[in-house]
Each structure stands twice: as structure tokens, then as C-alpha cells.
Amino acid sequence: MKGDAADLARALAGRVPALAAELLPAGRREGHEWRVGSLAGEQGRSLAVHLSGARAGVWSDFSSGEAGDALDLVAAVLFSGDTKPAMEWARRWLGLAPGAPATMRQARQEARQPAGPPPIDAEAEERRGAARRLFLAARAELRGTPAAHYLAGRGIDLAELGRQPGSLRFHPALHNAESGRAWPALVAAISDAAGEHAATHRTWLAEGEGGRWIKAPLRDAKMTLGSYAGGCIRLWRGASGKPLGQAAPGEAVAIAEGIETALSVAVAVPERRVLCAVSLANMGRVILPATIREVILCADNDGDNPAAARALQRAVEHFAAEGRAVRIARPPAGMKDFNDVLQAGAA
């Protein structure tokens, strides 16, 4: 089976431009790469798929740290990482009947490039250290900063919570590679399952019309430094006030995709513990203590995005398989997320 999987990966790599467009239709081609925000098909550039050359078919998600070959991409996007159904899907997509050696030999001749190696641990640890240093270099208090004004402009008044989430900080001049200059930024600590700092999320800011602070005019105003797969931004502890690792038996937790959405939920229902998954693809990977028995997935209204629907379903199945009760909360029709709800003043 291992050899068959390698053959399929090479065959898929030979048609990777079409494969990437089919699996991740929200992406776009940039030179020799297909760029998209995540395995869930979100907008962005964090995930890159090589389209040609010796590394054709090799992909990496620079936010979550995940990587693999073309067959791994099929498995990750469609089958929650399960290789067996991914192989069956790949055979059908390639038009290969199982056990058709002549056709498979032809596929091997068309795509002989081997998959590249996964990222090494030393590199991941270096990024982890850089992420931690970046966060510690930022200002701990948000009050009076462009970050606080940005959140207030989104309807989020941290004063209503009574305290500022310790996972959020403000950096007055954070370098941005895309623009080649520094911008003010809201930075957030992403913690792993043990509560250790794993990565840092950055939202670059700019002053807009009327002195209002908004996201900087960048192609990617939000980016993450370090791998955050399975981790989350611990934004609000709820009524207990205890760290996630000390959550009381039977406690519930709300998980939202983005920082603004998660903070909006915390402002609306401060008695709830609220976590930010950073991306929809990571929502179903967040590692929770066994004491958490109920998970409320605060989903965005993503319209007819099938990749988003699959990612949300994987999250439901993941937590249900762990024996937790799972509920999905959605904003009313016509609103994208719960920050829209907060700004509209809806119940």
C-alpha cells in the first residue's frame, strides 16, 4: 500500500495545477505556487502548493506547520487526514482503475518528482522562540493604543469585560515583510495544549479616515508567526476565572475562528469561556482538557463555501468523537460573523 500511495502522490503531482484549483478554489496562482489561507479554503497566503519543478505537489501551511505531498493534500482537505479514502478519491480523479499497471506506469513516467522533506523540528523551534520574543517585546496594556481603538471601532469595548485578556498586546512598530515597513499591530499569544507560548498572531493596523483605526492596507494584514496546529488564543476564562487547564468538570467552551469574533462572543456572554482557533481549519484541532464536556462552535456564515462546510463538519466530528456535546452557533442571516452581530446591536 505504501508504494501505491507514493505512485498516486507522483501522479497527482503531475496534474497539481488542476488539483490545487479543484481542492482549494479560493486560492490563486503566484508564480510557481498556488496560495490560499488554509486547508479549509480560506482567503490568504499561509498555505502554498508547489505547481512545478522538483517539488511539484509539495505543500506547506506556514501558519499551522502542516506539510506533505499531493496525496496528503487530498487527505487533509477532504478526509481529515485519512489516507485510505484519499487514495480511492485520487484514483477516480486521475481516471485510474485499481490494478491497471499500464496506466499507472504511464502516470509514473509523467510525474517522477519525489516529495520534499517535511519541515525540521529545529526550524519550528526557532520560529517558536521568535514568536515568543515578539510577543514579549510588545506593550502589555492596550488601553489608549491604536489596538484598543481598532477593537472599539469594531464594537468591542474591553472595559465591558472588566479586564484586558492577557493574551493580547500592542506593538507600536512591527515590521511587515509585504510592505517593507513597520506598522502598529495588535499581537496575540497562541498557546499549545500545555499552555506554553507556541506562536504569535499579528494584525497590522493603520489610521483611516476620521482618525479611525482599521486593518492596514495590506494583502495580508493578518499573519501568524510559528506553528499553531492544535493550539488557540485563550481570550476569556468565563465565570470561573481559572486557566483552561484548570477548567471545572463539565464546563463548556465557545470556540470562534477569529480574534474579533471571539472577543464579540466574550463581550456578549462573559460567563462563557471563549477561545480563538485562529483559522477554521484549526477549529477542529484545538486540544482541550478532558474536563471540558461541551463545545460551542461559533461559525461564520460562509455562504456556499463547501470547503468551509467540510472543515466545520470535521470539527463537529472531532469533538463528538472525544465524547463531548457539540453545538453550532451561527449569526442571523445577512451577517457574516458575531462581530457583525455585536456591531449591529442584535440580540
Protein backbone atom coordinates (compact mmCIF):
# COMPACT_ATOMS: atom_id res chain seq x y z
CA MET A 1 0.00 0.00 0.00
CA LYS A 2 2.91 2.33 0.77
CA GLY A 3 4.24 2.01 -2.78
CA ASP A 4 0.78 2.53 -4.24
CA ALA A 5 0.42 5.74 -2.19
CA ALA A 6 3.76 7.02 -3.47
CA ASP A 7 2.73 6.28 -7.06
CA LEU A 8 -0.54 8.14 -6.57
CA ALA A 9 1.25 11.10 -4.99
CA ARG A 10 3.56 11.34 -8.01
CA ALA A 11 0.65 11.00 -10.44
CA LEU A 12 -1.25 13.76 -8.65
CA ALA A 13 1.87 15.93 -8.69
CA GLY A 14 1.88 15.66 -12.47
CA ARG A 15 -1.52 17.37 -12.54
CA VAL A 16 -1.12 19.54 -9.46
CA PRO A 17 -2.26 22.87 -11.01
CA ALA A 18 -5.68 21.35 -11.72
CA LEU A 19 -5.69 19.51 -8.39
CA ALA A 20 -4.92 22.64 -6.36
CA ALA A 21 -7.63 24.61 -8.15
CA GLU A 22 -10.19 21.88 -7.51
CA LEU A 23 -9.36 21.30 -3.84
CA LEU A 24 -8.72 24.94 -2.92
CA PRO A 25 -10.75 27.08 -5.35
CA ALA A 26 -10.40 30.24 -3.23
CA GLY A 27 -6.65 30.27 -3.86
CA ARG A 28 -4.72 31.99 -6.62
CA ARG A 29 -1.60 31.29 -8.59
CA GLU A 30 1.52 33.25 -7.65
CA GLY A 31 4.45 32.28 -9.85
CA HIS A 32 5.17 28.59 -9.28
CA GLU A 33 2.84 28.32 -6.28
CA TRP A 34 -0.87 28.10 -5.51
CA ARG A 35 -1.60 30.30 -2.48
CA VAL A 36 -4.57 30.12 -0.11
CA GLY A 37 -5.26 30.87 3.54
CA SER A 38 -5.64 27.34 4.93
CA LEU A 39 -6.74 23.77 4.26
CA ALA A 40 -10.31 24.96 4.84
CA GLY A 41 -10.04 27.10 1.70
CA GLU A 42 -9.98 30.48 3.40
CA GLN A 43 -8.67 33.62 1.73
CA GLY A 44 -4.99 34.34 2.37
CA ARG A 45 -1.48 33.15 1.57
CA SER A 46 -0.41 30.99 4.52
CA LEU A 47 -0.66 27.74 2.57
CA ALA A 48 1.49 27.24 -0.53
CA VAL A 49 1.34 24.36 -3.03
CA HIS A 50 4.27 23.96 -5.45
CA LEU A 51 2.94 23.69 -9.01
CA SER A 52 6.04 22.74 -10.98
CA GLY A 53 9.64 21.65 -10.77
CA ALA A 54 11.23 19.09 -8.47
CA ARG A 55 8.83 19.94 -5.64
CA ALA A 56 5.58 19.81 -7.63
CA GLY A 57 2.75 18.71 -5.36
CA VAL A 58 4.58 19.52 -2.14
CA TRP A 59 2.62 21.89 0.13
CA SER A 60 3.20 23.66 3.41
CA ASP A 61 0.89 25.59 5.72
CA PHE A 62 3.26 28.11 7.26
CA SER A 63 0.74 29.00 9.99
CA SER A 64 -0.12 25.53 11.28
CA GLY A 65 3.19 23.84 10.40
CA GLU A 66 1.47 21.09 8.40
CA ALA A 67 3.04 19.87 5.16
CA GLY A 68 3.06 16.93 2.77
CA ASP A 69 2.78 15.70 -0.79
CA ALA A 70 -0.13 15.88 -3.23
CA LEU A 71 -1.87 12.81 -1.80
CA ASP A 72 -1.51 14.23 1.71
CA LEU A 73 -3.20 17.38 0.41
CA VAL A 74 -6.21 15.36 -0.78
CA ALA A 75 -6.38 13.59 2.57
CA ALA A 76 -6.08 16.81 4.59
CA VAL A 77 -8.66 18.80 2.61
CA LEU A 78 -11.28 16.11 2.03
CA PHE A 79 -10.82 13.31 4.57
CA SER A 80 -9.47 14.75 7.84
CA GLY A 81 -6.03 13.32 7.06
CA ASP A 82 -7.24 9.75 6.34
CA THR A 83 -5.09 8.36 3.53
CA LYS A 84 -7.21 5.33 2.54
CA PRO A 85 -10.27 7.22 1.21
CA ALA A 86 -7.90 9.83 -0.23
CA MET A 87 -6.28 7.11 -2.34
CA GLU A 88 -9.68 5.94 -3.61
CA TRP A 89 -10.63 9.52 -4.48
CA ALA A 90 -7.27 10.10 -6.20
CA ARG A 91 -7.69 7.00 -8.40
CA ARG A 92 -11.11 8.19 -9.54
CA TRP A 93 -9.90 11.75 -10.13
CA LEU A 94 -6.90 10.54 -12.13
CA GLY A 95 -9.06 8.12 -14.12
CA LEU A 96 -7.04 5.14 -12.92
CA ALA A 97 -8.77 1.83 -12.25
CA PRO A 98 -7.28 -0.09 -9.30
CA GLY A 99 -4.65 -2.51 -10.53
CA ALA A 100 -4.28 -1.07 -14.03
CA PRO A 101 -0.47 -1.36 -14.29
CA ALA A 102 -0.08 0.02 -17.80
CA THR A 103 -1.97 3.18 -16.95
CA MET A 104 -0.11 3.55 -13.65
CA ARG A 105 3.23 3.11 -15.43
CA GLN A 106 2.24 5.93 -17.76
CA ALA A 107 1.34 8.10 -14.80
CA ARG A 108 4.73 7.35 -13.22
CA GLN A 109 6.51 8.45 -16.40
CA GLU A 110 4.57 11.73 -16.49
CA ALA A 111 5.41 12.66 -12.89
CA ARG A 112 8.60 11.25 -11.35
CA GLN A 113 9.43 14.06 -8.90
CA PRO A 114 9.71 12.88 -5.28
CA ALA A 115 8.01 14.69 -2.45
CA GLY A 116 10.15 17.09 -0.46
CA PRO A 117 11.06 16.60 3.20
CA PRO A 118 8.79 17.99 5.93
CA PRO A 119 9.95 21.00 7.95
CA ILE A 120 12.59 20.06 10.51
CA ASP A 121 11.98 20.50 14.21
CA ALA A 122 14.91 22.90 14.64
CA GLU A 123 13.27 25.37 12.27
CA ALA A 124 9.94 25.08 14.06
CA GLU A 125 11.60 25.68 17.41
CA GLU A 126 13.39 28.74 16.03
CA ARG A 127 10.07 30.19 14.85
CA ARG A 128 8.52 29.39 18.22
CA GLY A 129 11.27 31.32 20.00
CA ALA A 130 10.96 34.27 17.62
CA ALA A 131 7.20 34.34 18.18
CA ARG A 132 7.65 34.40 21.94
CA ARG A 133 10.23 37.21 21.78
CA LEU A 134 7.96 39.26 19.52
CA PHE A 135 5.06 38.99 21.95
CA LEU A 136 7.18 39.85 24.98
CA ALA A 137 8.56 42.92 23.19
CA ALA A 138 5.04 44.31 22.78
CA ARG A 139 3.25 46.56 25.26
CA ALA A 140 1.16 44.62 27.76
CA GLU A 141 -1.55 47.26 28.22
CA LEU A 142 -3.86 48.03 25.29
CA ARG A 143 -5.68 50.97 26.84
CA GLY A 144 -5.21 54.15 24.81
CA THR A 145 -3.34 52.39 21.99
CA PRO A 146 -4.31 52.05 18.31
CA ALA A 147 -5.09 48.40 19.07
CA ALA A 148 -7.73 49.41 21.63
CA HIS A 149 -9.13 52.00 19.21
CA TYR A 150 -9.25 49.38 16.45
CA LEU A 151 -11.22 46.99 18.65
CA ALA A 152 -13.53 49.78 19.78
CA GLY A 153 -14.16 50.59 16.13
CA ARG A 154 -15.33 47.01 15.74
CA GLY A 155 -17.76 47.46 18.64
CA ILE A 156 -15.50 45.69 21.15
CA ASP A 157 -15.08 47.67 24.36
CA LEU A 158 -12.70 45.73 26.60
CA ALA A 159 -13.82 47.87 29.55
CA GLU A 160 -17.11 45.94 29.45
CA LEU A 161 -15.19 42.81 30.35
CA GLY A 162 -13.63 44.45 33.38
CA ARG A 163 -10.13 43.42 32.42
CA GLN A 164 -7.97 43.00 29.36
CA PRO A 165 -7.25 39.47 28.10
CA GLY A 166 -3.62 38.71 28.95
CA SER A 167 -3.14 37.03 25.57
CA LEU A 168 -3.39 40.39 23.76
CA ARG A 169 -0.68 43.05 23.45
CA PHE A 170 0.18 46.08 21.34
CA HIS A 171 3.31 46.62 19.25
CA PRO A 172 3.86 50.25 18.18
CA ALA A 173 6.06 49.48 15.14
CA LEU A 174 6.08 45.90 13.91
CA HIS A 175 7.89 45.15 10.66
CA ASN A 176 5.84 43.80 7.80
CA ALA A 177 7.65 41.93 5.01
CA GLU A 178 5.00 42.57 2.36
CA SER A 179 5.24 46.36 2.62
CA GLY A 180 8.86 46.52 3.78
CA ARG A 181 7.94 48.87 6.62
CA ALA A 182 6.68 48.89 10.19
CA TRP A 183 3.06 49.36 11.26
CA PRO A 184 1.32 49.42 14.65
CA ALA A 185 -0.04 45.97 15.41
CA LEU A 186 -2.33 44.02 17.70
CA VAL A 187 -0.46 40.85 18.68
CA ALA A 188 -1.88 37.75 20.35
CA ALA A 189 -0.28 34.78 22.08
CA ILE A 190 -1.27 31.36 20.75
CA SER A 191 -0.86 28.66 23.40
CA ASP A 192 -0.38 24.93 22.90
CA ALA A 193 -2.19 22.22 24.86
CA ALA A 194 0.19 22.63 27.80
CA GLY A 195 -0.40 26.37 27.95
CA GLU A 196 3.04 27.21 26.54
CA HIS A 197 3.51 30.02 24.02
CA ALA A 198 3.57 28.32 20.61
CA ALA A 199 3.02 31.15 18.09
CA THR A 200 2.09 34.81 17.79
CA HIS A 201 -0.75 36.23 15.70
CA ARG A 202 -0.28 39.69 14.21
CA THR A 203 -2.87 42.18 12.96
CA TRP A 204 -1.24 45.22 11.35
CA LEU A 205 -3.13 48.49 11.79
CA ALA A 206 -3.38 51.86 10.06
CA GLU A 207 -5.19 55.11 10.75
CA GLY A 208 -8.04 55.63 8.32
CA GLU A 209 -10.40 58.46 7.55
CA GLY A 210 -11.59 60.47 10.52
CA GLY A 211 -8.82 59.09 12.71
CA ARG A 212 -10.43 55.65 12.87
CA TRP A 213 -8.01 52.73 13.26
CA ILE A 214 -8.52 49.90 10.78
CA LYS A 215 -6.57 46.95 9.39
CA ALA A 216 -3.54 48.11 7.43
CA PRO A 217 -4.00 48.26 3.62
CA LEU A 218 -2.04 45.08 3.01
CA ARG A 219 -2.80 41.95 1.04
CA ASP A 220 -2.28 40.02 4.30
CA ALA A 221 -2.98 42.30 7.24
CA LYS A 222 -3.18 39.24 9.49
CA MET A 223 -0.43 36.65 9.78
CA THR A 224 0.89 34.14 12.29
CA LEU A 225 4.50 33.53 13.29
CA GLY A 226 5.07 29.95 14.40
CA SER A 227 3.09 26.73 14.18
CA TYR A 228 -0.28 26.74 15.94
CA ALA A 229 -1.89 23.42 14.96
CA GLY A 230 -3.93 22.25 17.95
CA GLY A 231 -3.34 25.49 19.83
CA CYS A 232 -5.54 28.51 20.40
CA ILE A 233 -5.65 32.07 21.71
CA ARG A 234 -7.04 31.86 25.23
CA LEU A 235 -9.09 35.03 25.24
CA TRP A 236 -11.56 34.72 28.09
CA ARG A 237 -11.82 32.44 31.14
CA GLY A 238 -15.52 32.91 31.76
CA ALA A 239 -17.23 32.79 35.13
CA SER A 240 -14.64 30.54 36.77
CA GLY A 241 -11.69 32.83 36.02
CA LYS A 242 -9.45 29.75 36.02
CA PRO A 243 -6.88 28.81 33.34
CA LEU A 244 -8.04 26.38 30.68
CA GLY A 245 -6.00 23.56 32.20
CA GLN A 246 -7.90 24.01 35.47
CA ALA A 247 -11.37 24.13 33.92
CA ALA A 248 -14.04 22.67 36.20
CA PRO A 249 -15.52 19.25 35.32
CA GLY A 250 -18.45 19.65 32.93
CA GLU A 251 -17.52 23.16 31.85
CA ALA A 252 -18.43 24.41 28.37
CA VAL A 253 -16.25 26.39 25.99
CA ALA A 254 -17.03 28.56 22.97
CA ILE A 255 -14.57 28.42 20.08
CA ALA A 256 -14.55 31.08 17.36
CA GLU A 257 -12.41 31.41 14.27
CA GLY A 258 -11.01 34.96 14.57
CA ILE A 259 -9.99 37.29 17.38
CA GLU A 260 -12.68 39.89 16.72
CA THR A 261 -15.41 37.24 16.58
CA ALA A 262 -14.21 35.56 19.77
CA LEU A 263 -14.00 38.87 21.65
CA SER A 264 -17.50 39.74 20.45
CA VAL A 265 -18.77 36.48 21.96
CA ALA A 266 -16.94 37.20 25.22
CA VAL A 267 -18.48 40.68 25.45
CA ALA A 268 -21.96 39.28 24.76
CA VAL A 269 -21.72 36.29 27.14
CA PRO A 270 -18.85 36.97 29.57
CA GLU A 271 -19.84 33.98 31.70
CA ARG A 272 -18.61 31.72 28.89
CA ARG A 273 -15.03 30.59 28.39
CA VAL A 274 -14.01 31.72 24.90
CA LEU A 275 -11.13 30.55 22.71
CA CYS A 276 -9.94 31.75 19.30
CA ALA A 277 -8.89 28.95 16.92
CA VAL A 278 -7.11 31.43 14.55
CA SER A 279 -8.39 29.58 11.46
CA LEU A 280 -11.37 27.46 10.52
CA ALA A 281 -9.06 24.57 9.63
CA ASN A 282 -7.67 24.60 13.18
CA MET A 283 -11.06 24.82 14.89
CA GLY A 284 -11.42 21.05 14.99
CA ARG A 285 -7.82 20.53 16.05
CA VAL A 286 -7.88 22.61 19.24
CA ILE A 287 -6.74 20.37 22.09
CA LEU A 288 -8.99 20.67 25.14
CA PRO A 289 -8.69 19.21 28.65
CA ALA A 290 -10.94 16.25 29.43
CA THR A 291 -12.94 18.37 31.91
CA ILE A 292 -14.49 20.36 29.03
CA ARG A 293 -17.65 18.45 28.22
CA GLU A 294 -19.44 20.85 25.89
CA VAL A 295 -18.10 22.72 22.86
CA ILE A 296 -19.95 25.57 21.16
CA LEU A 297 -18.56 26.23 17.68
CA CYS A 298 -19.19 29.87 16.77
CA ALA A 299 -19.37 29.51 13.00
CA ASP A 300 -19.27 32.25 10.38
CA ASN A 301 -21.89 32.41 7.65
CA ASP A 302 -19.66 31.31 4.77
CA GLY A 303 -22.41 31.03 2.17
CA ASP A 304 -21.84 28.26 -0.35
CA ASN A 305 -18.20 27.55 0.51
CA PRO A 306 -18.05 23.72 0.51
CA ALA A 307 -14.52 23.66 1.96
CA ALA A 308 -15.66 25.73 4.93
CA ALA A 309 -18.64 23.42 5.45
CA ARG A 310 -16.35 20.38 5.42
CA ALA A 311 -13.96 21.98 7.91
CA LEU A 312 -16.81 22.81 10.28
CA GLN A 313 -18.18 19.28 9.98
CA ARG A 314 -14.73 17.86 10.75
CA ALA A 315 -14.65 19.99 13.89
CA VAL A 316 -18.06 18.67 14.96
CA GLU A 317 -16.99 15.07 14.35
CA HIS A 318 -13.66 15.56 16.14
CA PHE A 319 -15.14 16.84 19.39
CA ALA A 320 -18.07 14.42 19.24
CA ALA A 321 -15.60 11.53 18.88
CA GLU A 322 -13.97 12.75 22.09
CA GLY A 323 -17.31 12.27 23.86
CA ARG A 324 -18.16 15.97 24.13
CA ALA A 325 -21.51 17.57 23.43
CA VAL A 326 -21.20 19.83 20.37
CA ARG A 327 -23.38 22.75 19.36
CA ILE A 328 -23.07 25.16 16.44
CA ALA A 329 -23.94 28.83 16.92
CA ARG A 330 -24.41 30.98 13.83
CA PRO A 331 -25.15 34.69 13.40
CA PRO A 332 -28.50 35.68 11.87
CA ALA A 333 -28.92 35.58 8.10
CA GLY A 334 -27.26 38.51 6.39
CA MET A 335 -24.46 38.78 8.95
CA LYS A 336 -21.07 37.18 8.36
CA ASP A 337 -19.97 36.63 11.95
CA PHE A 338 -20.73 37.50 15.56
CA ASN A 339 -18.76 40.72 15.32
CA ASP A 340 -21.33 41.88 12.77
CA VAL A 341 -23.99 40.94 15.32
CA LEU A 342 -22.26 42.92 18.06
CA GLN A 343 -21.85 45.98 15.88
CA ALA A 344 -25.48 45.80 14.80
CA GLY A 345 -26.60 45.60 18.41
CA ALA A 346 -28.58 42.46 17.67
CA ALA A 347 -29.52 40.01 20.40
